[in-house]
Amino acid sequence: MSTFTQLHQCDSPPFHDPSLYRQIVGALQYLTLTLPDLSFVVNKVCQYMHNPSINQWAAIKRILRYLQHIRIYVSSFLSLTLSFFKPLQMLTGLAHWMIENQPVVMLSSLDLL
């Protein structure tokens, strides 16, 4: 959404399915936890949840198109991250926790094989 776009309540007719609008906006609110760059636009469309119009629905569709566009970058980043942590996951099998009596009180004991 452009920073020059103005969303006004009286500009367009009401949206035909307000519950769909609310469901998608709720999902977008959840998504802002992982993609904070969406916070501004999601905040703007949240202001019209009580009575959405066609203009606000167009803004929602634009946000969804943006998400579809960045999905490629997000999925490639996630696969890179997962492939990076895979060797670390194999190393965790080398360490195991043991319970044994010790003469000194310790927080924990870790034996490396």
N, C-alpha and C. Protein backbone atom coordinates (compact mmCIF):
# COMPACT_ATOMS: atom_id res chain seq x y z
N MET A 1 0.85 -1.17 0.00
CA MET A 1 0.00 0.00 0.00
C MET A 1 0.89 1.23 0.00
N SER A 2 0.59 2.12 -0.88
CA SER A 2 1.36 3.34 -0.97
C SER A 2 1.10 4.23 0.25
N THR A 3 2.09 4.98 0.64
CA THR A 3 1.89 5.87 1.78
C THR A 3 0.97 7.03 1.42
N PHE A 4 0.73 7.24 0.12
CA PHE A 4 -0.16 8.31 -0.31
C PHE A 4 -1.60 7.85 -0.44
N THR A 5 -1.85 6.56 -0.33
CA THR A 5 -3.20 6.04 -0.43
C THR A 5 -4.00 6.42 0.81
N GLN A 6 -5.15 7.00 0.57
CA GLN A 6 -6.03 7.39 1.67
C GLN A 6 -7.23 6.45 1.70
N LEU A 7 -7.46 5.82 2.81
CA LEU A 7 -8.63 4.95 2.97
C LEU A 7 -9.68 5.73 3.75
N HIS A 8 -10.79 6.00 3.09
CA HIS A 8 -11.87 6.72 3.74
C HIS A 8 -13.10 5.83 3.75
N GLN A 9 -13.91 5.97 4.77
CA GLN A 9 -15.09 5.14 4.93
C GLN A 9 -16.16 5.44 3.88
N CYS A 10 -16.31 6.68 3.49
CA CYS A 10 -17.43 7.05 2.62
C CYS A 10 -17.07 7.03 1.14
N ASP A 11 -15.89 6.58 0.77
CA ASP A 11 -15.48 6.63 -0.63
C ASP A 11 -16.16 5.59 -1.51
N SER A 12 -16.48 4.44 -0.98
CA SER A 12 -16.99 3.36 -1.82
C SER A 12 -18.11 2.62 -1.11
N PRO A 13 -18.83 1.79 -1.85
CA PRO A 13 -19.92 1.02 -1.22
C PRO A 13 -19.38 -0.01 -0.24
N PRO A 14 -20.22 -0.48 0.67
CA PRO A 14 -19.76 -1.46 1.67
C PRO A 14 -19.38 -2.78 1.03
N PHE A 15 -18.44 -3.45 1.66
CA PHE A 15 -17.99 -4.77 1.19
C PHE A 15 -19.08 -5.79 1.49
N HIS A 16 -19.27 -6.75 0.58
CA HIS A 16 -20.40 -7.68 0.67
C HIS A 16 -20.26 -8.73 1.77
N ASP A 17 -19.03 -9.03 2.22
CA ASP A 17 -18.84 -10.08 3.23
C ASP A 17 -17.91 -9.57 4.34
N PRO A 18 -18.43 -8.84 5.31
CA PRO A 18 -17.57 -8.30 6.37
C PRO A 18 -16.88 -9.37 7.20
N SER A 19 -17.48 -10.55 7.36
CA SER A 19 -16.82 -11.59 8.16
C SER A 19 -15.57 -12.11 7.45
N LEU A 20 -15.59 -12.21 6.13
CA LEU A 20 -14.39 -12.60 5.38
C LEU A 20 -13.30 -11.55 5.58
N TYR A 21 -13.68 -10.30 5.51
CA TYR A 21 -12.73 -9.21 5.73
C TYR A 21 -12.09 -9.34 7.11
N ARG A 22 -12.90 -9.59 8.13
CA ARG A 22 -12.39 -9.69 9.50
C ARG A 22 -11.48 -10.90 9.67
N GLN A 23 -11.83 -12.01 9.02
CA GLN A 23 -10.98 -13.21 9.12
C GLN A 23 -9.61 -12.97 8.51
N ILE A 24 -9.59 -12.35 7.34
CA ILE A 24 -8.31 -12.11 6.67
C ILE A 24 -7.48 -11.08 7.45
N VAL A 25 -8.13 -10.05 7.96
CA VAL A 25 -7.40 -9.06 8.75
C VAL A 25 -6.85 -9.69 10.02
N GLY A 26 -7.60 -10.60 10.64
CA GLY A 26 -7.10 -11.31 11.82
C GLY A 26 -5.88 -12.15 11.50
N ALA A 27 -5.91 -12.82 10.34
CA ALA A 27 -4.74 -13.60 9.93
C ALA A 27 -3.55 -12.70 9.65
N LEU A 28 -3.80 -11.54 9.07
CA LEU A 28 -2.72 -10.59 8.81
C LEU A 28 -2.14 -10.04 10.11
N GLN A 29 -2.99 -9.84 11.11
CA GLN A 29 -2.49 -9.39 12.41
C GLN A 29 -1.55 -10.43 13.00
N TYR A 30 -1.91 -11.69 12.88
CA TYR A 30 -1.05 -12.76 13.37
C TYR A 30 0.27 -12.78 12.60
N LEU A 31 0.20 -12.52 11.32
CA LEU A 31 1.39 -12.56 10.48
C LEU A 31 2.35 -11.41 10.79
N THR A 32 1.85 -10.32 11.34
CA THR A 32 2.74 -9.20 11.66
C THR A 32 3.74 -9.56 12.76
N LEU A 33 3.50 -10.64 13.48
CA LEU A 33 4.48 -11.06 14.49
C LEU A 33 5.77 -11.53 13.84
N THR A 34 5.67 -12.13 12.65
CA THR A 34 6.87 -12.60 11.97
C THR A 34 7.32 -11.66 10.86
N LEU A 35 6.44 -10.82 10.37
CA LEU A 35 6.79 -9.85 9.33
C LEU A 35 6.41 -8.45 9.81
N PRO A 36 7.25 -7.82 10.59
CA PRO A 36 6.88 -6.52 11.17
C PRO A 36 6.72 -5.41 10.14
N ASP A 37 7.20 -5.59 8.91
CA ASP A 37 7.02 -4.55 7.91
C ASP A 37 5.56 -4.41 7.49
N LEU A 38 4.72 -5.36 7.86
CA LEU A 38 3.29 -5.29 7.56
C LEU A 38 2.50 -4.51 8.61
N SER A 39 3.11 -4.16 9.69
CA SER A 39 2.38 -3.58 10.83
C SER A 39 1.61 -2.32 10.46
N PHE A 40 2.21 -1.44 9.70
CA PHE A 40 1.56 -0.18 9.37
C PHE A 40 0.30 -0.40 8.55
N VAL A 41 0.42 -1.17 7.47
CA VAL A 41 -0.75 -1.35 6.60
C VAL A 41 -1.83 -2.18 7.26
N VAL A 42 -1.44 -3.17 8.06
CA VAL A 42 -2.45 -3.97 8.75
C VAL A 42 -3.17 -3.11 9.79
N ASN A 43 -2.45 -2.21 10.43
CA ASN A 43 -3.09 -1.29 11.36
C ASN A 43 -4.12 -0.42 10.63
N LYS A 44 -3.79 0.03 9.44
CA LYS A 44 -4.71 0.88 8.68
C LYS A 44 -5.98 0.12 8.30
N VAL A 45 -5.85 -1.12 7.84
CA VAL A 45 -7.06 -1.85 7.44
C VAL A 45 -7.84 -2.34 8.65
N CYS A 46 -7.19 -2.47 9.80
CA CYS A 46 -7.90 -2.85 11.03
C CYS A 46 -8.84 -1.75 11.50
N GLN A 47 -8.56 -0.53 11.14
CA GLN A 47 -9.39 0.58 11.57
C GLN A 47 -10.79 0.56 10.95
N TYR A 48 -10.97 -0.26 9.92
CA TYR A 48 -12.26 -0.33 9.22
C TYR A 48 -12.93 -1.69 9.37
N MET A 49 -12.58 -2.43 10.39
CA MET A 49 -13.16 -3.77 10.57
C MET A 49 -14.65 -3.71 10.89
N HIS A 50 -15.12 -2.65 11.50
CA HIS A 50 -16.53 -2.57 11.88
C HIS A 50 -17.44 -2.41 10.67
N ASN A 51 -16.95 -1.77 9.60
CA ASN A 51 -17.77 -1.55 8.41
C ASN A 51 -16.86 -1.40 7.20
N PRO A 52 -16.32 -2.51 6.67
CA PRO A 52 -15.37 -2.40 5.56
C PRO A 52 -16.07 -2.02 4.26
N SER A 53 -15.33 -1.35 3.40
CA SER A 53 -15.83 -0.98 2.08
C SER A 53 -14.98 -1.64 1.00
N ILE A 54 -15.37 -1.41 -0.23
CA ILE A 54 -14.65 -1.99 -1.36
C ILE A 54 -13.22 -1.47 -1.42
N ASN A 55 -13.00 -0.21 -1.07
CA ASN A 55 -11.63 0.34 -1.07
C ASN A 55 -10.73 -0.38 -0.06
N GLN A 56 -11.26 -0.65 1.11
CA GLN A 56 -10.46 -1.37 2.10
C GLN A 56 -10.21 -2.81 1.65
N TRP A 57 -11.18 -3.42 0.98
CA TRP A 57 -10.97 -4.77 0.45
C TRP A 57 -9.88 -4.76 -0.62
N ALA A 58 -9.83 -3.71 -1.43
CA ALA A 58 -8.76 -3.60 -2.44
C ALA A 58 -7.40 -3.48 -1.75
N ALA A 59 -7.35 -2.78 -0.63
CA ALA A 59 -6.09 -2.68 0.12
C ALA A 59 -5.68 -4.04 0.67
N ILE A 60 -6.66 -4.82 1.14
CA ILE A 60 -6.37 -6.18 1.63
C ILE A 60 -5.81 -7.04 0.50
N LYS A 61 -6.42 -6.96 -0.67
CA LYS A 61 -5.94 -7.76 -1.81
C LYS A 61 -4.52 -7.34 -2.20
N ARG A 62 -4.24 -6.06 -2.08
CA ARG A 62 -2.89 -5.59 -2.40
C ARG A 62 -1.87 -6.14 -1.40
N ILE A 63 -2.25 -6.19 -0.13
CA ILE A 63 -1.37 -6.77 0.89
C ILE A 63 -1.14 -8.25 0.59
N LEU A 64 -2.19 -8.96 0.21
CA LEU A 64 -2.06 -10.39 -0.10
C LEU A 64 -1.18 -10.62 -1.32
N ARG A 65 -1.28 -9.73 -2.32
CA ARG A 65 -0.39 -9.85 -3.49
C ARG A 65 1.07 -9.61 -3.09
N TYR A 66 1.29 -8.67 -2.19
CA TYR A 66 2.64 -8.42 -1.68
C TYR A 66 3.18 -9.67 -0.98
N LEU A 67 2.33 -10.30 -0.16
CA LEU A 67 2.75 -11.52 0.53
C LEU A 67 3.05 -12.64 -0.44
N GLN A 68 2.26 -12.72 -1.50
CA GLN A 68 2.52 -13.74 -2.52
C GLN A 68 3.86 -13.48 -3.20
N HIS A 69 4.19 -12.21 -3.40
CA HIS A 69 5.45 -11.85 -4.03
C HIS A 69 6.65 -12.17 -3.14
N ILE A 70 6.56 -11.88 -1.85
CA ILE A 70 7.71 -12.12 -0.97
C ILE A 70 7.79 -13.56 -0.51
N ARG A 71 6.80 -14.37 -0.82
CA ARG A 71 6.83 -15.78 -0.41
C ARG A 71 8.06 -16.48 -0.96
N ILE A 72 8.46 -16.13 -2.15
CA ILE A 72 9.65 -16.74 -2.76
C ILE A 72 10.87 -16.45 -1.90
N TYR A 73 11.02 -15.21 -1.46
CA TYR A 73 12.18 -14.84 -0.66
C TYR A 73 12.12 -15.48 0.73
N VAL A 74 10.93 -15.51 1.31
CA VAL A 74 10.78 -16.10 2.64
C VAL A 74 11.07 -17.59 2.59
N SER A 75 10.54 -18.29 1.58
CA SER A 75 10.76 -19.73 1.51
C SER A 75 12.22 -20.05 1.24
N SER A 76 12.90 -19.26 0.41
CA SER A 76 14.32 -19.52 0.17
C SER A 76 15.14 -19.23 1.42
N PHE A 77 14.76 -18.20 2.19
CA PHE A 77 15.46 -17.90 3.43
C PHE A 77 15.25 -19.02 4.44
N LEU A 78 14.01 -19.54 4.54
CA LEU A 78 13.74 -20.62 5.49
C LEU A 78 14.50 -21.88 5.12
N SER A 79 14.57 -22.21 3.84
CA SER A 79 15.31 -23.42 3.46
C SER A 79 16.79 -23.26 3.75
N LEU A 80 17.33 -22.05 3.55
CA LEU A 80 18.73 -21.80 3.89
C LEU A 80 18.95 -21.94 5.39
N THR A 81 18.03 -21.40 6.18
CA THR A 81 18.15 -21.48 7.63
C THR A 81 18.07 -22.93 8.10
N LEU A 82 17.13 -23.68 7.54
CA LEU A 82 16.98 -25.07 7.95
C LEU A 82 18.19 -25.90 7.55
N SER A 83 18.76 -25.65 6.36
CA SER A 83 19.94 -26.40 5.96
C SER A 83 21.15 -26.01 6.82
N PHE A 84 21.17 -24.79 7.33
CA PHE A 84 22.26 -24.37 8.20
C PHE A 84 22.18 -25.07 9.55
N PHE A 85 20.98 -25.25 10.09
CA PHE A 85 20.83 -25.85 11.41
C PHE A 85 20.85 -27.38 11.39
N LYS A 86 20.80 -27.99 10.23
CA LYS A 86 20.78 -29.45 10.16
C LYS A 86 22.04 -30.07 10.77
N PRO A 87 23.26 -29.56 10.47
CA PRO A 87 24.44 -30.14 11.13
C PRO A 87 24.41 -29.96 12.65
N LEU A 88 23.84 -28.86 13.12
CA LEU A 88 23.75 -28.66 14.56
C LEU A 88 22.81 -29.66 15.21
N GLN A 89 21.76 -30.05 14.49
CA GLN A 89 20.84 -31.04 15.03
C GLN A 89 21.52 -32.39 15.16
N MET A 90 22.42 -32.72 14.24
CA MET A 90 23.13 -33.99 14.34
C MET A 90 24.10 -33.98 15.52
N LEU A 91 24.65 -32.82 15.85
CA LEU A 91 25.59 -32.75 16.96
C LEU A 91 24.92 -32.87 18.32
N THR A 92 23.63 -32.59 18.40
CA THR A 92 22.97 -32.66 19.69
C THR A 92 22.88 -34.08 20.21
N GLY A 93 23.02 -35.07 19.35
CA GLY A 93 23.00 -36.45 19.81
C GLY A 93 24.26 -36.82 20.58
N LEU A 94 25.33 -36.03 20.44
CA LEU A 94 26.57 -36.34 21.12
C LEU A 94 26.55 -35.96 22.60
N ALA A 95 25.68 -35.07 22.96
CA ALA A 95 25.60 -34.65 24.36
C ALA A 95 24.38 -35.29 24.99
N HIS A 96 24.54 -35.81 26.20
CA HIS A 96 23.39 -36.36 26.91
C HIS A 96 23.51 -36.01 28.38
N TRP A 97 22.39 -35.95 29.04
CA TRP A 97 22.35 -35.57 30.44
C TRP A 97 22.44 -36.81 31.30
N MET A 98 23.17 -36.72 32.40
CA MET A 98 23.31 -37.85 33.32
C MET A 98 22.94 -37.40 34.72
N ILE A 99 22.34 -38.32 35.46
CA ILE A 99 22.04 -38.08 36.87
C ILE A 99 22.99 -38.95 37.68
N GLU A 100 23.77 -38.33 38.55
CA GLU A 100 24.67 -39.09 39.40
C GLU A 100 24.93 -38.28 40.67
N ASN A 101 25.33 -38.97 41.71
CA ASN A 101 25.66 -38.29 42.97
C ASN A 101 26.98 -37.56 42.83
N GLN A 102 26.99 -36.34 43.28
CA GLN A 102 28.19 -35.53 43.19
C GLN A 102 28.48 -34.94 44.57
N PRO A 103 29.76 -34.80 44.92
CA PRO A 103 30.09 -34.26 46.23
C PRO A 103 29.78 -32.77 46.34
N VAL A 104 29.72 -32.06 45.24
CA VAL A 104 29.47 -30.62 45.24
C VAL A 104 28.15 -30.38 44.53
N VAL A 105 27.37 -29.48 45.06
CA VAL A 105 26.09 -29.16 44.42
C VAL A 105 26.36 -28.36 43.15
N MET A 106 25.86 -28.87 42.04
CA MET A 106 26.03 -28.20 40.75
C MET A 106 24.66 -27.94 40.15
N LEU A 107 24.61 -27.03 39.24
CA LEU A 107 23.34 -26.75 38.58
C LEU A 107 22.94 -27.88 37.64
N SER A 108 23.90 -28.43 36.92
CA SER A 108 23.62 -29.56 36.03
C SER A 108 24.93 -30.21 35.66
N SER A 109 24.84 -31.41 35.14
CA SER A 109 26.04 -32.09 34.66
C SER A 109 25.81 -32.49 33.21
N LEU A 110 26.79 -32.25 32.39
CA LEU A 110 26.69 -32.54 30.97
C LEU A 110 27.93 -33.31 30.58
N ASP A 111 27.73 -34.49 30.03
CA ASP A 111 28.86 -35.29 29.56
C ASP A 111 28.87 -35.25 28.04
N LEU A 112 30.00 -34.94 27.47
CA LEU A 112 30.16 -34.99 26.03
C LEU A 112 30.88 -36.27 25.66
N LEU A 113 30.36 -36.94 24.67
CA LEU A 113 30.98 -38.20 24.25
C LEU A 113 32.11 -37.98 23.31
